[in-house]
Protein backbone atom coordinates (compact mmCIF):
# COMPACT_ATOMS: atom_id res chain seq x y z
CA MET A 1 13.06 7.53 3.81
CA SER A 2 11.91 4.34 4.90
CA PRO A 3 8.99 2.58 5.50
CA ALA A 4 7.00 1.43 8.15
CA ILE A 5 4.10 -0.74 7.75
CA HIS A 6 0.89 -1.00 10.00
CA ALA A 7 0.07 -4.33 11.30
CA GLU A 8 -3.50 -4.39 9.66
CA ALA A 9 -1.60 -2.86 6.46
CA GLN A 10 0.80 -5.80 6.68
CA ALA A 11 -2.16 -8.46 6.82
CA GLU A 12 -4.13 -7.19 3.93
CA PHE A 13 -0.71 -7.21 1.96
CA LEU A 14 -0.38 -10.97 3.00
CA ALA A 15 -3.69 -11.89 2.59
CA ALA A 16 -3.90 -10.40 -1.40
CA ILE A 17 -0.28 -12.23 -2.05
CA ASP A 18 -2.11 -15.35 -0.87
CA HIS A 19 -5.14 -14.66 -2.98
CA TYR A 20 -2.94 -14.04 -6.27
CA THR A 21 -0.63 -17.34 -5.35
CA SER A 22 -3.49 -19.36 -4.93
CA ILE A 23 -4.50 -18.52 -8.65
CA SER A 24 -0.81 -19.09 -9.60
CA ALA A 25 2.72 -18.70 -8.15
CA GLU A 26 3.21 -16.67 -10.98
CA LEU A 27 0.61 -13.65 -10.44
CA GLY A 28 1.51 -13.79 -6.57
CA GLU A 29 4.74 -12.90 -7.52
CA ARG A 30 4.08 -10.23 -9.64
CA PHE A 31 1.76 -8.57 -6.98
CA TYR A 32 4.41 -8.75 -4.56
CA THR A 33 6.95 -7.07 -6.73
CA GLU A 34 4.28 -4.71 -7.82
CA ILE A 35 3.53 -3.56 -3.98
CA GLU A 36 7.12 -3.61 -3.17
CA ARG A 37 8.06 -1.33 -5.90
CA LEU A 38 5.14 0.90 -4.78
CA ILE A 39 6.53 1.07 -1.34
CA HIS A 40 10.11 1.77 -2.63
CA GLU A 41 8.68 4.68 -5.08
CA VAL A 42 6.66 6.08 -1.82
CA CYS A 43 9.98 5.92 0.15
CA ALA A 44 12.27 7.85 -2.25
CA ALA A 45 9.76 10.57 -2.83
CA PRO A 46 6.83 10.63 -0.72
CA ARG A 47 5.18 13.94 -2.19
CA ARG A 48 5.48 12.83 -5.33
CA PHE A 49 2.26 11.35 -5.21
CA ARG A 50 -1.22 12.69 -5.08
CA GLN A 51 -2.94 13.71 -1.44
CA TYR A 52 -5.58 11.04 -1.58
CA ASP A 53 -7.45 12.28 2.03
CA PRO A 54 -5.00 14.79 3.40
CA PRO A 55 -2.61 14.38 4.92
CA ALA A 56 -2.63 10.80 3.66
CA ARG A 57 -1.17 10.43 -0.08
CA ARG A 58 -1.76 6.82 -2.61
CA HIS A 59 -0.03 5.55 -5.21
CA LEU A 60 -1.98 3.35 -7.30
CA SER A 61 -0.64 0.08 -8.79
CA ARG A 62 -1.03 0.01 -12.69
CA ASP A 63 -1.19 -3.81 -12.83
CA PHE A 64 -3.46 -4.53 -9.98
CA PRO A 65 -6.43 -2.84 -8.41
CA PHE A 66 -4.96 -2.06 -4.86
CA ALA A 67 -2.88 1.65 -3.89
CA VAL A 68 -0.79 2.01 -1.07
CA VAL A 69 -1.72 4.74 1.23
CA TYR A 70 0.82 6.23 3.09
CA LEU A 71 1.62 9.28 5.27
CA GLU A 72 4.82 11.11 5.94
CA ARG A 73 6.34 11.03 8.89
CA ALA A 74 9.64 13.60 9.82
CA ASP A 75 11.56 9.94 9.68
CA LEU A 76 9.87 7.60 7.66
CA VAL A 77 6.98 6.57 5.66
CA TRP A 78 4.08 5.56 7.05
CA ILE A 79 1.83 2.87 5.30
CA VAL A 80 -1.62 2.63 6.57
CA ALA A 81 -3.20 0.37 3.79
CA VAL A 82 -2.35 -2.21 1.03
CA MET A 83 -6.06 -1.12 -0.04
CA PRO A 84 -7.73 -2.83 -2.72
CA LEU A 85 -9.56 -0.50 -4.72
CA ARG A 86 -12.78 -2.42 -4.38
CA ARG A 87 -13.10 -1.96 -0.82
CA GLU A 88 -15.04 0.80 1.20
CA PRO A 89 -12.40 3.79 0.49
CA ASP A 90 -12.16 4.77 4.42
CA TYR A 91 -11.69 1.77 6.03
CA TRP A 92 -8.24 2.47 6.47
CA LYS A 93 -8.66 5.54 8.62
CA GLN A 94 -9.57 3.84 12.16
CA ARG A 95 -5.72 2.99 12.06
CA LEU A 96 -4.80 6.28 12.09
CA GLY A 97 -6.14 6.77 16.01
């Protein structure tokens, strides 16, 4: 399956990349690579990861306090959040409307 990324999820992904890059270019690259890996794994096997808030599922990063929150659609995986785990957990739900 291919991914579709909500505009706000894309913005939070880019903001997090900027944050980690401001600490070090290598850290920013590691963060980017990690989130891209999560998205790739989600697209390869969307039902593999635990339901977070049905029907949404969440794939947690091993290296950063972030998760990819997504919904499986018939022909794609819809990424609704690149969620910092320290943020209010339900903030992304308004994106479903």
